[in-house]
């Protein structure tokens, strides 16, 4: 029962905070709990406060120096034209 309850808590936090599995993994590595994530959802009057997803990524980058790549938003393969343009831009002397 204890393990199932924890999974339910994390899935609830994932849904309410619009997080990906990578964001959940980063939050767990930072030692956060689902309750702390849900408590930090900014209200409409807190426009200065970053969304939980951005907050977790910023804290992770601050602590570990890099953010894990997000499989949901992965690097999409570029078209041949975009690849050619990129290669041409890299060869410019300035």
PDB file of N, CA and C in Angstrom:
ATOM      1  N   UNK A   1       0.812  -1.194   0.000  1.00  0.00           N
ATOM      2  CA  UNK A   1       0.000   0.000   0.000  1.00  0.00           C
ATOM      3  C   UNK A   1       0.854   1.256   0.000  1.00  0.00           C
ATOM      4  N   UNK A   2       1.956   1.262   0.751  1.00  0.00           N
ATOM      5  CA  UNK A   2       2.782   2.456   0.845  1.00  0.00           C
ATOM      6  C   UNK A   2       3.367   2.868  -0.488  1.00  0.00           C
ATOM      7  N   UNK A   3       3.854   1.878  -1.247  1.00  0.00           N
ATOM      8  CA  UNK A   3       4.467   2.190  -2.535  1.00  0.00           C
ATOM      9  C   UNK A   3       3.421   2.684  -3.541  1.00  0.00           C
ATOM     10  N   UNK A   4       2.236   2.079  -3.534  1.00  0.00           N
ATOM     11  CA  UNK A   4       1.174   2.498  -4.437  1.00  0.00           C
ATOM     12  C   UNK A   4       0.735   3.931  -4.124  1.00  0.00           C
ATOM     13  N   UNK A   5       0.675   4.283  -2.853  1.00  0.00           N
ATOM     14  CA  UNK A   5       0.288   5.634  -2.446  1.00  0.00           C
ATOM     15  C   UNK A   5       1.301   6.656  -2.961  1.00  0.00           C
ATOM     16  N   UNK A   6       2.597   6.302  -2.884  1.00  0.00           N
ATOM     17  CA  UNK A   6       3.631   7.219  -3.376  1.00  0.00           C
ATOM     18  C   UNK A   6       3.497   7.429  -4.874  1.00  0.00           C
ATOM     19  N   UNK A   7       3.217   6.355  -5.617  1.00  0.00           N
ATOM     20  CA  UNK A   7       3.056   6.477  -7.062  1.00  0.00           C
ATOM     21  C   UNK A   7       1.860   7.352  -7.402  1.00  0.00           C
ATOM     22  N   UNK A   8       0.791   7.224  -6.631  1.00  0.00           N
ATOM     23  CA  UNK A   8      -0.392   8.055  -6.854  1.00  0.00           C
ATOM     24  C   UNK A   8      -0.055   9.517  -6.585  1.00  0.00           C
ATOM     25  N   UNK A   9       0.706   9.787  -5.533  1.00  0.00           N
ATOM     26  CA  UNK A   9       1.095  11.160  -5.215  1.00  0.00           C
ATOM     27  C   UNK A   9       1.927  11.774  -6.339  1.00  0.00           C
ATOM     28  N   UNK A  10       2.901  11.024  -6.861  1.00  0.00           N
ATOM     29  CA  UNK A  10       3.745  11.548  -7.931  1.00  0.00           C
ATOM     30  C   UNK A  10       2.952  11.756  -9.211  1.00  0.00           C
ATOM     31  N   UNK A  11       2.021  10.837  -9.511  1.00  0.00           N
ATOM     32  CA  UNK A  11       1.225  11.021 -10.734  1.00  0.00           C
ATOM     33  C   UNK A  11       0.299  12.221 -10.598  1.00  0.00           C
ATOM     34  N   UNK A  12      -0.200  12.457  -9.398  1.00  0.00           N
ATOM     35  CA  UNK A  12      -1.037  13.638  -9.150  1.00  0.00           C
ATOM     36  C   UNK A  12      -0.225  14.926  -9.321  1.00  0.00           C
ATOM     37  N   UNK A  13       0.995  14.939  -8.781  1.00  0.00           N
ATOM     38  CA  UNK A  13       1.861  16.113  -8.918  1.00  0.00           C
ATOM     39  C   UNK A  13       2.233  16.323 -10.382  1.00  0.00           C
ATOM     40  N   UNK A  14       2.481  15.236 -11.093  1.00  0.00           N
ATOM     41  CA  UNK A  14       2.833  15.331 -12.509  1.00  0.00           C
ATOM     42  C   UNK A  14       1.705  15.967 -13.307  1.00  0.00           C
ATOM     43  N   UNK A  15       0.493  15.566 -12.985  1.00  0.00           N
ATOM     44  CA  UNK A  15      -0.676  16.083 -13.705  1.00  0.00           C
ATOM     45  C   UNK A  15      -0.954  17.542 -13.336  1.00  0.00           C
ATOM     46  N   UNK A  16      -0.920  17.863 -12.054  1.00  0.00           N
ATOM     47  CA  UNK A  16      -1.275  19.218 -11.619  1.00  0.00           C
ATOM     48  C   UNK A  16      -0.216  20.256 -11.969  1.00  0.00           C
ATOM     49  N   UNK A  17       1.055  19.838 -12.049  1.00  0.00           N
ATOM     50  CA  UNK A  17       2.135  20.777 -12.332  1.00  0.00           C
ATOM     51  C   UNK A  17       2.576  20.743 -13.793  1.00  0.00           C
ATOM     52  N   UNK A  18       1.915  19.924 -14.616  1.00  0.00           N
ATOM     53  CA  UNK A  18       2.253  19.796 -16.050  1.00  0.00           C
ATOM     54  C   UNK A  18       3.719  19.407 -16.232  1.00  0.00           C
ATOM     55  N   UNK A  19       4.166  18.373 -15.520  1.00  0.00           N
ATOM     56  CA  UNK A  19       5.548  17.927 -15.573  1.00  0.00           C
ATOM     57  C   UNK A  19       5.706  16.720 -16.485  1.00  0.00           C
ATOM     58  N   UNK A  20       6.912  16.532 -17.000  1.00  0.00           N
ATOM     59  CA  UNK A  20       7.236  15.334 -17.764  1.00  0.00           C
ATOM     60  C   UNK A  20       7.917  14.339 -16.831  1.00  0.00           C
ATOM     61  N   UNK A  21       8.162  13.146 -17.344  1.00  0.00           N
ATOM     62  CA  UNK A  21       8.827  12.132 -16.526  1.00  0.00           C
ATOM     63  C   UNK A  21      10.245  12.587 -16.164  1.00  0.00           C
ATOM     64  N   UNK A  22      10.900  13.286 -17.082  1.00  0.00           N
ATOM     65  CA  UNK A  22      12.240  13.821 -16.796  1.00  0.00           C
ATOM     66  C   UNK A  22      12.215  14.854 -15.686  1.00  0.00           C
ATOM     67  N   UNK A  23      11.184  15.692 -15.663  1.00  0.00           N
ATOM     68  CA  UNK A  23      11.042  16.693 -14.601  1.00  0.00           C
ATOM     69  C   UNK A  23      10.825  16.017 -13.249  1.00  0.00           C
ATOM     70  N   UNK A  24      10.030  14.949 -13.255  1.00  0.00           N
ATOM     71  CA  UNK A  24       9.789  14.193 -12.017  1.00  0.00           C
ATOM     72  C   UNK A  24      11.102  13.595 -11.522  1.00  0.00           C
ATOM     73  N   UNK A  25      11.890  13.051 -12.441  1.00  0.00           N
ATOM     74  CA  UNK A  25      13.172  12.453 -12.072  1.00  0.00           C
ATOM     75  C   UNK A  25      14.110  13.497 -11.468  1.00  0.00           C
ATOM     76  N   UNK A  26      14.154  14.686 -12.072  1.00  0.00           N
ATOM     77  CA  UNK A  26      14.983  15.761 -11.536  1.00  0.00           C
ATOM     78  C   UNK A  26      14.516  16.170 -10.141  1.00  0.00           C
ATOM     79  N   UNK A  27      13.197  16.267  -9.953  1.00  0.00           N
ATOM     80  CA  UNK A  27      12.655  16.646  -8.646  1.00  0.00           C
ATOM     81  C   UNK A  27      13.011  15.606  -7.591  1.00  0.00           C
ATOM     82  N   UNK A  28      12.949  14.331  -7.949  1.00  0.00           N
ATOM     83  CA  UNK A  28      13.314  13.273  -7.003  1.00  0.00           C
ATOM     84  C   UNK A  28      14.784  13.349  -6.639  1.00  0.00           C
ATOM     85  N   UNK A  29      15.644  13.637  -7.629  1.00  0.00           N
ATOM     86  CA  UNK A  29      17.076  13.768  -7.351  1.00  0.00           C
ATOM     87  C   UNK A  29      17.364  14.958  -6.444  1.00  0.00           C
ATOM     88  N   UNK A  30      16.536  15.984  -6.528  1.00  0.00           N
ATOM     89  CA  UNK A  30      16.690  17.147  -5.654  1.00  0.00           C
ATOM     90  C   UNK A  30      16.124  16.903  -4.259  1.00  0.00           C
ATOM     91  N   UNK A  31      15.446  15.764  -4.070  1.00  0.00           N
ATOM     92  CA  UNK A  31      14.891  15.431  -2.764  1.00  0.00           C
ATOM     93  C   UNK A  31      13.529  16.038  -2.509  1.00  0.00           C
ATOM     94  N   UNK A  32      12.849  16.456  -3.554  1.00  0.00           N
ATOM     95  CA  UNK A  32      11.524  17.060  -3.399  1.00  0.00           C
ATOM     96  C   UNK A  32      10.462  15.981  -3.228  1.00  0.00           C
ATOM     97  N   UNK A  33       9.377  16.385  -2.636  1.00  0.00           N
ATOM     98  CA  UNK A  33       8.227  15.502  -2.489  1.00  0.00           C
ATOM     99  C   UNK A  33       7.104  16.006  -3.387  1.00  0.00           C
ATOM    100  N   UNK A  34       6.147  15.139  -3.698  1.00  0.00           N
ATOM    101  CA  UNK A  34       5.017  15.602  -4.514  1.00  0.00           C
ATOM    102  C   UNK A  34       4.279  16.764  -3.854  1.00  0.00           C
ATOM    103  N   UNK A  35       4.198  16.718  -2.537  1.00  0.00           N
ATOM    104  CA  UNK A  35       3.501  17.777  -1.813  1.00  0.00           C
ATOM    105  C   UNK A  35       4.209  19.123  -1.989  1.00  0.00           C
ATOM    106  N   UNK A  36       5.546  19.119  -1.979  1.00  0.00           N
ATOM    107  CA  UNK A  36       6.275  20.381  -2.143  1.00  0.00           C
ATOM    108  C   UNK A  36       6.096  20.951  -3.548  1.00  0.00           C
ATOM    109  N   UNK A  37       5.967  20.068  -4.534  1.00  0.00           N
ATOM    110  CA  UNK A  37       5.748  20.543  -5.901  1.00  0.00           C
ATOM    111  C   UNK A  37       4.374  21.194  -6.032  1.00  0.00           C
ATOM    112  N   UNK A  38       3.372  20.539  -5.486  1.00  0.00           N
ATOM    113  CA  UNK A  38       2.005  21.052  -5.586  1.00  0.00           C
ATOM    114  C   UNK A  38       1.868  22.351  -4.797  1.00  0.00           C
ATOM    115  N   UNK A  39       2.552  22.451  -3.649  1.00  0.00           N
ATOM    116  CA  UNK A  39       2.480  23.669  -2.845  1.00  0.00           C
ATOM    117  C   UNK A  39       3.095  24.867  -3.562  1.00  0.00           C
ATOM    118  N   UNK A  40       4.006  24.622  -4.492  1.00  0.00           N
ATOM    119  CA  UNK A  40       4.693  25.712  -5.171  1.00  0.00           C
ATOM    120  C   UNK A  40       4.082  26.092  -6.509  1.00  0.00           C
ATOM    121  N   UNK A  41       2.884  25.627  -6.791  1.00  0.00           N
ATOM    122  CA  UNK A  41       2.179  26.058  -7.993  1.00  0.00           C
ATOM    123  C   UNK A  41       1.791  27.517  -7.790  1.00  0.00           C
ATOM    124  N   UNK A  42       2.220  28.405  -8.689  1.00  0.00           N
ATOM    125  CA  UNK A  42       1.910  29.824  -8.490  1.00  0.00           C
ATOM    126  C   UNK A  42       0.432  30.122  -8.718  1.00  0.00           C
ATOM    127  N   UNK A  43      -0.120  30.963  -7.849  1.00  0.00           N
ATOM    128  CA  UNK A  43      -1.498  31.406  -8.026  1.00  0.00           C
ATOM    129  C   UNK A  43      -1.514  32.557  -9.032  1.00  0.00           C
ATOM    130  N   UNK A  44      -2.675  32.915  -9.548  1.00  0.00           N
ATOM    131  CA  UNK A  44      -2.733  34.015 -10.524  1.00  0.00           C
ATOM    132  C   UNK A  44      -2.166  35.336  -9.999  1.00  0.00           C
ATOM    133  N   UNK A  45      -2.224  35.553  -8.699  1.00  0.00           N
ATOM    134  CA  UNK A  45      -1.696  36.802  -8.150  1.00  0.00           C
ATOM    135  C   UNK A  45      -0.178  36.771  -7.967  1.00  0.00           C
ATOM    136  N   UNK A  46       0.437  35.618  -8.175  1.00  0.00           N
ATOM    137  CA  UNK A  46       1.883  35.485  -8.025  1.00  0.00           C
ATOM    138  C   UNK A  46       2.553  35.437  -9.400  1.00  0.00           C
ATOM    139  N   UNK A  47       2.443  36.516 -10.135  1.00  0.00           N
ATOM    140  CA  UNK A  47       2.989  36.548 -11.485  1.00  0.00           C
ATOM    141  C   UNK A  47       4.519  36.516 -11.487  1.00  0.00           C
ATOM    142  N   UNK A  48       5.154  36.861 -10.385  1.00  0.00           N
ATOM    143  CA  UNK A  48       6.603  36.853 -10.275  1.00  0.00           C
ATOM    144  C   UNK A  48       7.157  35.440 -10.136  1.00  0.00           C
ATOM    145  N   UNK A  49       6.303  34.501  -9.756  1.00  0.00           N
ATOM    146  CA  UNK A  49       6.736  33.136  -9.460  1.00  0.00           C
ATOM    147  C   UNK A  49       6.764  32.296 -10.735  1.00  0.00           C
ATOM    148  N   UNK A  50       7.856  31.565 -10.939  1.00  0.00           N
ATOM    149  CA  UNK A  50       8.000  30.721 -12.132  1.00  0.00           C
ATOM    150  C   UNK A  50       7.131  29.475 -12.000  1.00  0.00           C
ATOM    151  N   UNK A  51       6.680  28.908 -13.117  1.00  0.00           N
ATOM    152  CA  UNK A  51       5.948  27.639 -13.059  1.00  0.00           C
ATOM    153  C   UNK A  51       6.834  26.554 -12.443  1.00  0.00           C
ATOM    154  N   UNK A  52       6.206  25.548 -11.876  1.00  0.00           N
ATOM    155  CA  UNK A  52       6.938  24.489 -11.174  1.00  0.00           C
ATOM    156  C   UNK A  52       7.950  23.821 -12.100  1.00  0.00           C
ATOM    157  N   UNK A  53       7.573  23.591 -13.343  1.00  0.00           N
ATOM    158  CA  UNK A  53       8.465  22.949 -14.306  1.00  0.00           C
ATOM    159  C   UNK A  53       9.761  23.750 -14.466  1.00  0.00           C
ATOM    160  N   UNK A  54       9.651  25.048 -14.624  1.00  0.00           N
ATOM    161  CA  UNK A  54      10.819  25.914 -14.788  1.00  0.00           C
ATOM    162  C   UNK A  54      11.613  25.978 -13.496  1.00  0.00           C
ATOM    163  N   UNK A  55      10.929  26.041 -12.384  1.00  0.00           N
ATOM    164  CA  UNK A  55      11.566  26.119 -11.066  1.00  0.00           C
ATOM    165  C   UNK A  55      12.423  24.883 -10.802  1.00  0.00           C
ATOM    166  N   UNK A  56      11.876  23.701 -11.089  1.00  0.00           N
ATOM    167  CA  UNK A  56      12.615  22.460 -10.866  1.00  0.00           C
ATOM    168  C   UNK A  56      13.847  22.418 -11.762  1.00  0.00           C
ATOM    169  N   UNK A  57      13.682  22.786 -13.026  1.00  0.00           N
ATOM    170  CA  UNK A  57      14.816  22.766 -13.952  1.00  0.00           C
ATOM    171  C   UNK A  57      15.904  23.751 -13.532  1.00  0.00           C
ATOM    172  N   UNK A  58      15.510  24.932 -13.068  1.00  0.00           N
ATOM    173  CA  UNK A  58      16.495  25.928 -12.620  1.00  0.00           C
ATOM    174  C   UNK A  58      17.261  25.427 -11.401  1.00  0.00           C
ATOM    175  N   UNK A  59      16.551  24.851 -10.443  1.00  0.00           N
ATOM    176  CA  UNK A  59      17.216  24.321  -9.255  1.00  0.00           C
ATOM    177  C   UNK A  59      18.157  23.176  -9.607  1.00  0.00           C
ATOM    178  N   UNK A  60      17.729  22.320 -10.516  1.00  0.00           N
ATOM    179  CA  UNK A  60      18.561  21.185 -10.926  1.00  0.00           C
ATOM    180  C   UNK A  60      19.825  21.676 -11.622  1.00  0.00           C
ATOM    181  N   UNK A  61      19.667  22.662 -12.507  1.00  0.00           N
ATOM    182  CA  UNK A  61      20.824  23.205 -13.219  1.00  0.00           C
ATOM    183  C   UNK A  61      21.777  23.896 -12.252  1.00  0.00           C
ATOM    184  N   UNK A  62      21.222  24.586 -11.260  1.00  0.00           N
ATOM    185  CA  UNK A  62      22.037  25.279 -10.269  1.00  0.00           C
ATOM    186  C   UNK A  62      22.843  24.289  -9.436  1.00  0.00           C
ATOM    187  N   UNK A  63      22.233  23.149  -9.092  1.00  0.00           N
ATOM    188  CA  UNK A  63      22.897  22.176  -8.231  1.00  0.00           C
ATOM    189  C   UNK A  63      23.859  21.273  -9.002  1.00  0.00           C
ATOM    190  N   UNK A  64      23.437  20.783 -10.164  1.00  0.00           N
ATOM    191  CA  UNK A  64      24.223  19.800 -10.897  1.00  0.00           C
ATOM    192  C   UNK A  64      24.931  20.373 -12.119  1.00  0.00           C
ATOM    193  N   UNK A  65      24.635  21.603 -12.500  1.00  0.00           N
ATOM    194  CA  UNK A  65      25.329  22.246 -13.597  1.00  0.00           C
ATOM    195  C   UNK A  65      24.768  21.949 -14.977  1.00  0.00           C
ATOM    196  N   UNK A  66      23.808  21.084 -15.078  1.00  0.00           N
ATOM    197  CA  UNK A  66      23.200  20.794 -16.379  1.00  0.00           C
ATOM    198  C   UNK A  66      21.788  20.287 -16.160  1.00  0.00           C
ATOM    199  N   UNK A  67      20.983  20.408 -17.202  1.00  0.00           N
ATOM    200  CA  UNK A  67      19.611  19.918 -17.146  1.00  0.00           C
ATOM    201  C   UNK A  67      19.537  18.676 -17.996  1.00  0.00           C
ATOM    202  N   UNK A  68      18.866  17.659 -17.480  1.00  0.00           N
ATOM    203  CA  UNK A  68      18.706  16.428 -18.254  1.00  0.00           C
ATOM    204  C   UNK A  68      17.894  16.736 -19.495  1.00  0.00           C
ATOM    205  N   UNK A  69      18.239  16.068 -20.586  1.00  0.00           N
ATOM    206  CA  UNK A  69      17.482  16.287 -21.818  1.00  0.00           C
ATOM    207  C   UNK A  69      16.087  15.753 -21.651  1.00  0.00           C
ATOM    208  N   UNK A  70      15.149  16.435 -22.261  1.00  0.00           N
ATOM    209  CA  UNK A  70      13.738  16.090 -22.142  1.00  0.00           C
ATOM    210  C   UNK A  70      13.337  15.217 -23.320  1.00  0.00           C
ATOM    211  N   UNK A  71      12.985  13.929 -23.082  1.00  0.00           N
ATOM    212  CA  UNK A  71      12.618  13.065 -24.194  1.00  0.00           C
ATOM    213  C   UNK A  71      11.335  13.503 -24.898  1.00  0.00           C
ATOM    214  N   UNK A  72      10.454  14.208 -24.199  1.00  0.00           N
ATOM    215  CA  UNK A  72       9.202  14.643 -24.801  1.00  0.00           C
ATOM    216  C   UNK A  72       9.443  15.742 -25.835  1.00  0.00           C
ATOM    217  N   UNK A  73      10.432  16.564 -25.605  1.00  0.00           N
ATOM    218  CA  UNK A  73      10.693  17.692 -26.476  1.00  0.00           C
ATOM    219  C   UNK A  73      11.948  17.457 -27.293  1.00  0.00           C
ATOM    220  N   UNK A  74      12.387  16.243 -27.405  1.00  0.00           N
ATOM    221  CA  UNK A  74      13.665  15.853 -27.981  1.00  0.00           C
ATOM    222  C   UNK A  74      14.115  16.638 -29.193  1.00  0.00           C
ATOM    223  N   UNK A  75      15.356  16.446 -29.543  1.00  0.00           N
ATOM    224  CA  UNK A  75      15.907  17.110 -30.711  1.00  0.00           C
ATOM    225  C   UNK A  75      15.373  16.417 -31.952  1.00  0.00           C
ATOM    226  N   UNK A  76      14.506  17.119 -32.637  1.00  0.00           N
ATOM    227  CA  UNK A  76      13.909  16.549 -33.838  1.00  0.00           C
ATOM    228  C   UNK A  76      14.908  16.621 -34.970  1.00  0.00           C
ATOM    229  N   UNK A  77      14.963  15.583 -35.790  1.00  0.00           N
ATOM    230  CA  UNK A  77      15.893  15.636 -36.913  1.00  0.00           C
ATOM    231  C   UNK A  77      15.513  16.771 -37.860  1.00  0.00           C
ATOM    232  N   UNK A  78      16.502  17.522 -38.281  1.00  0.00           N
ATOM    233  CA  UNK A  78      16.263  18.659 -39.153  1.00  0.00           C
ATOM    234  C   UNK A  78      16.080  18.176 -40.589  1.00  0.00           C
ATOM    235  N   UNK A  79      15.433  18.988 -41.353  1.00  0.00           N
ATOM    236  CA  UNK A  79      15.307  18.678 -42.770  1.00  0.00           C
ATOM    237  C   UNK A  79      16.658  18.901 -43.439  1.00  0.00           C
ATOM    238  N   UNK A  80      16.812  18.390 -44.642  1.00  0.00           N
ATOM    239  CA  UNK A  80      18.089  18.525 -45.347  1.00  0.00           C
ATOM    240  C   UNK A  80      18.438  19.991 -45.585  1.00  0.00           C
ATOM    241  N   UNK A  81      17.419  20.789 -45.883  1.00  0.00           N
ATOM    242  CA  UNK A  81      17.666  22.208 -46.135  1.00  0.00           C
ATOM    243  C   UNK A  81      18.179  22.901 -44.870  1.00  0.00           C
ATOM    244  N   UNK A  82      17.579  22.596 -43.711  1.00  0.00           N
ATOM    245  CA  UNK A  82      18.020  23.198 -42.456  1.00  0.00           C
ATOM    246  C   UNK A  82      19.427  22.743 -42.101  1.00  0.00           C
ATOM    247  N   UNK A  83      19.739  21.450 -42.354  1.00  0.00           N
ATOM    248  CA  UNK A  83      21.074  20.946 -42.070  1.00  0.00           C
ATOM    249  C   UNK A  83      22.109  21.649 -42.945  1.00  0.00           C
ATOM    250  N   UNK A  84      21.774  21.858 -44.239  1.00  0.00           N
ATOM    251  CA  UNK A  84      22.685  22.514 -45.161  1.00  0.00           C
ATOM    252  C   UNK A  84      22.927  23.960 -44.733  1.00  0.00           C
ATOM    253  N   UNK A  85      21.866  24.658 -44.330  1.00  0.00           N
ATOM    254  CA  UNK A  85      21.975  26.037 -43.879  1.00  0.00           C
ATOM    255  C   UNK A  85      22.845  26.117 -42.632  1.00  0.00           C
ATOM    256  N   UNK A  86      22.657  25.173 -41.725  1.00  0.00           N
ATOM    257  CA  UNK A  86      23.443  25.159 -40.497  1.00  0.00           C
ATOM    258  C   UNK A  86      24.913  24.953 -40.815  1.00  0.00           C
ATOM    259  N   UNK A  87      25.214  24.021 -41.718  1.00  0.00           N
ATOM    260  CA  UNK A  87      26.600  23.768 -42.092  1.00  0.00           C
ATOM    261  C   UNK A  87      27.215  24.993 -42.757  1.00  0.00           C
ATOM    262  N   UNK A  88      26.449  25.669 -43.584  1.00  0.00           N
ATOM    263  CA  UNK A  88      26.958  26.861 -44.254  1.00  0.00           C
ATOM    264  C   UNK A  88      27.234  27.957 -43.242  1.00  0.00           C
ATOM    265  N   UNK A  89      26.360  28.104 -42.253  1.00  0.00           N
ATOM    266  CA  UNK A  89      26.547  29.133 -41.224  1.00  0.00           C
ATOM    267  C   UNK A  89      27.787  28.849 -40.383  1.00  0.00           C
ATOM    268  N   UNK A  90      28.086  27.583 -40.148  1.00  0.00           N
ATOM    269  CA  UNK A  90      29.236  27.221 -39.329  1.00  0.00           C
ATOM    270  C   UNK A  90      30.544  27.556 -40.034  1.00  0.00           C
ATOM    271  N   UNK A  91      30.543  27.567 -41.358  1.00  0.00           N
ATOM    272  CA  UNK A  91      31.757  27.810 -42.122  1.00  0.00           C
ATOM    273  C   UNK A  91      32.045  29.294 -42.336  1.00  0.00           C
ATOM    274  N   UNK A  92      31.160  30.156 -41.911  1.00  0.00           N
ATOM    275  CA  UNK A  92      31.371  31.593 -42.103  1.00  0.00           C
ATOM    276  C   UNK A  92      32.538  32.062 -41.221  1.00  0.00           C
ATOM    277  N   UNK A  93      33.365  32.957 -41.729  1.00  0.00           N
ATOM    278  CA  UNK A  93      34.532  33.403 -40.953  1.00  0.00           C
ATOM    279  C   UNK A  93      34.193  34.369 -39.823  1.00  0.00           C
ATOM    280  N   UNK A  94      32.993  34.881 -39.764  1.00  0.00           N
ATOM    281  CA  UNK A  94      32.627  35.841 -38.717  1.00  0.00           C
ATOM    282  C   UNK A  94      31.514  35.352 -37.873  1.00  0.00           C
TER     283      UNK A  94
END
